[in-house]
């Protein structure tokens, strides 16, 4: 496989993952699986939560700060407690 095609496939996978985010439907397992996927684990949590426009960027930044994260925290950096807090946040 050539490098350009591989990069395009990775980008497509990341875009599909971001577009699949639905606040009421996201499960902890979705985040855990993404944090283990080599192509998804570097996605920033803030981008994941706000990319579809349903959740505000400022409110999300404040929420992340409240659980000792920031706008640059990546999915791979999350622990189980933070994942559960994120699930609760997006379901409200």
C-alpha atoms as a PDB file:
ATOM      1  CA  UNK A   1       0.000   0.000   0.000  1.00  0.00           C
ATOM      2  CA  UNK A   2       1.386   3.394  -0.812  1.00  0.00           C
ATOM      3  CA  UNK A   3       1.827   5.986   1.904  1.00  0.00           C
ATOM      4  CA  UNK A   4      -0.652   8.498   0.487  1.00  0.00           C
ATOM      5  CA  UNK A   5      -3.445   5.915   0.342  1.00  0.00           C
ATOM      6  CA  UNK A   6      -2.676   4.733   3.866  1.00  0.00           C
ATOM      7  CA  UNK A   7      -2.789   8.296   5.201  1.00  0.00           C
ATOM      8  CA  UNK A   8      -6.126   8.891   3.475  1.00  0.00           C
ATOM      9  CA  UNK A   9      -7.579   5.715   5.018  1.00  0.00           C
ATOM     10  CA  UNK A  10      -6.414   6.732   8.502  1.00  0.00           C
ATOM     11  CA  UNK A  11      -7.882  10.205   8.041  1.00  0.00           C
ATOM     12  CA  UNK A  12     -11.174   8.703   6.873  1.00  0.00           C
ATOM     13  CA  UNK A  13     -11.294   6.408   9.917  1.00  0.00           C
ATOM     14  CA  UNK A  14     -10.669   9.348  12.268  1.00  0.00           C
ATOM     15  CA  UNK A  15     -13.295  11.494  10.523  1.00  0.00           C
ATOM     16  CA  UNK A  16     -15.867   8.700  10.692  1.00  0.00           C
ATOM     17  CA  UNK A  17     -15.172   8.215  14.377  1.00  0.00           C
ATOM     18  CA  UNK A  18     -15.675  11.931  15.079  1.00  0.00           C
ATOM     19  CA  UNK A  19     -18.853  12.070  12.984  1.00  0.00           C
ATOM     20  CA  UNK A  20     -20.274   9.021  14.751  1.00  0.00           C
ATOM     21  CA  UNK A  21     -20.328  10.854  18.092  1.00  0.00           C
ATOM     22  CA  UNK A  22     -23.862  11.213  19.414  1.00  0.00           C
ATOM     23  CA  UNK A  23     -24.062  12.577  22.987  1.00  0.00           C
ATOM     24  CA  UNK A  24     -26.931  10.396  24.157  1.00  0.00           C
ATOM     25  CA  UNK A  25     -25.560   7.234  22.617  1.00  0.00           C
ATOM     26  CA  UNK A  26     -21.852   7.221  23.484  1.00  0.00           C
ATOM     27  CA  UNK A  27     -20.782   4.422  25.791  1.00  0.00           C
ATOM     28  CA  UNK A  28     -17.680   4.026  27.924  1.00  0.00           C
ATOM     29  CA  UNK A  29     -16.673   1.069  25.775  1.00  0.00           C
ATOM     30  CA  UNK A  30     -16.592   3.331  22.676  1.00  0.00           C
ATOM     31  CA  UNK A  31     -14.043   5.612  24.336  1.00  0.00           C
ATOM     32  CA  UNK A  32     -12.018   2.716  25.751  1.00  0.00           C
ATOM     33  CA  UNK A  33     -11.838   1.049  22.333  1.00  0.00           C
ATOM     34  CA  UNK A  34     -10.825   4.318  20.661  1.00  0.00           C
ATOM     35  CA  UNK A  35      -8.114   4.882  23.261  1.00  0.00           C
ATOM     36  CA  UNK A  36      -6.621   1.510  22.307  1.00  0.00           C
ATOM     37  CA  UNK A  37      -6.843   2.051  18.544  1.00  0.00           C
ATOM     38  CA  UNK A  38      -3.502   3.312  17.236  1.00  0.00           C
ATOM     39  CA  UNK A  39      -5.234   5.563  14.697  1.00  0.00           C
ATOM     40  CA  UNK A  40      -7.796   7.057  17.099  1.00  0.00           C
ATOM     41  CA  UNK A  41      -5.960   7.307  20.414  1.00  0.00           C
ATOM     42  CA  UNK A  42      -4.345  10.647  19.563  1.00  0.00           C
ATOM     43  CA  UNK A  43      -7.681  12.424  19.026  1.00  0.00           C
ATOM     44  CA  UNK A  44      -8.128  15.189  21.550  1.00  0.00           C
ATOM     45  CA  UNK A  45     -11.053  14.645  23.950  1.00  0.00           C
ATOM     46  CA  UNK A  46     -12.206  18.253  23.460  1.00  0.00           C
ATOM     47  CA  UNK A  47     -12.364  17.772  19.677  1.00  0.00           C
ATOM     48  CA  UNK A  48     -14.182  14.455  20.067  1.00  0.00           C
ATOM     49  CA  UNK A  49     -16.850  16.024  22.278  1.00  0.00           C
ATOM     50  CA  UNK A  50     -17.339  19.245  20.303  1.00  0.00           C
ATOM     51  CA  UNK A  51     -16.730  18.282  16.669  1.00  0.00           C
ATOM     52  CA  UNK A  52     -20.391  17.846  15.775  1.00  0.00           C
ATOM     53  CA  UNK A  53     -21.475  21.162  17.320  1.00  0.00           C
ATOM     54  CA  UNK A  54     -24.024  19.682  19.728  1.00  0.00           C
ATOM     55  CA  UNK A  55     -21.919  20.406  22.813  1.00  0.00           C
ATOM     56  CA  UNK A  56     -20.397  23.845  23.368  1.00  0.00           C
ATOM     57  CA  UNK A  57     -16.647  24.327  23.279  1.00  0.00           C
ATOM     58  CA  UNK A  58     -16.410  26.648  26.290  1.00  0.00           C
ATOM     59  CA  UNK A  59     -18.636  24.477  28.484  1.00  0.00           C
ATOM     60  CA  UNK A  60     -16.642  21.421  27.465  1.00  0.00           C
ATOM     61  CA  UNK A  61     -13.339  23.121  28.266  1.00  0.00           C
ATOM     62  CA  UNK A  62     -14.673  24.034  31.729  1.00  0.00           C
ATOM     63  CA  UNK A  63     -15.906  20.482  32.260  1.00  0.00           C
ATOM     64  CA  UNK A  64     -12.558  18.993  31.248  1.00  0.00           C
ATOM     65  CA  UNK A  65     -10.812  21.340  33.670  1.00  0.00           C
ATOM     66  CA  UNK A  66     -13.139  20.166  36.437  1.00  0.00           C
ATOM     67  CA  UNK A  67     -11.918  16.574  35.990  1.00  0.00           C
ATOM     68  CA  UNK A  68      -8.243  17.593  35.790  1.00  0.00           C
ATOM     69  CA  UNK A  69      -7.989  17.455  32.007  1.00  0.00           C
ATOM     70  CA  UNK A  70      -7.460  20.189  29.430  1.00  0.00           C
ATOM     71  CA  UNK A  71      -8.266  20.920  25.794  1.00  0.00           C
ATOM     72  CA  UNK A  72      -5.159  19.049  24.639  1.00  0.00           C
ATOM     73  CA  UNK A  73      -5.803  15.797  26.524  1.00  0.00           C
ATOM     74  CA  UNK A  74      -5.884  12.838  24.166  1.00  0.00           C
ATOM     75  CA  UNK A  75      -8.118   9.766  24.369  1.00  0.00           C
ATOM     76  CA  UNK A  76      -5.153   7.549  25.256  1.00  0.00           C
ATOM     77  CA  UNK A  77      -4.536   9.622  28.413  1.00  0.00           C
ATOM     78  CA  UNK A  78      -7.947   8.964  29.997  1.00  0.00           C
ATOM     79  CA  UNK A  79      -8.503   6.735  32.998  1.00  0.00           C
ATOM     80  CA  UNK A  80     -11.739   4.905  33.814  1.00  0.00           C
ATOM     81  CA  UNK A  81     -12.963   7.538  36.275  1.00  0.00           C
ATOM     82  CA  UNK A  82     -12.537  10.290  33.698  1.00  0.00           C
ATOM     83  CA  UNK A  83     -14.258   8.209  31.027  1.00  0.00           C
ATOM     84  CA  UNK A  84     -17.262   7.689  33.311  1.00  0.00           C
ATOM     85  CA  UNK A  85     -17.368  11.441  34.060  1.00  0.00           C
ATOM     86  CA  UNK A  86     -17.330  12.179  30.330  1.00  0.00           C
ATOM     87  CA  UNK A  87     -20.190   9.750  29.734  1.00  0.00           C
ATOM     88  CA  UNK A  88     -22.230  11.459  32.456  1.00  0.00           C
ATOM     89  CA  UNK A  89     -21.407  14.880  31.007  1.00  0.00           C
ATOM     90  CA  UNK A  90     -22.549  14.066  27.474  1.00  0.00           C
ATOM     91  CA  UNK A  91     -25.758  12.352  28.591  1.00  0.00           C
ATOM     92  CA  UNK A  92     -27.037  15.482  30.364  1.00  0.00           C
END
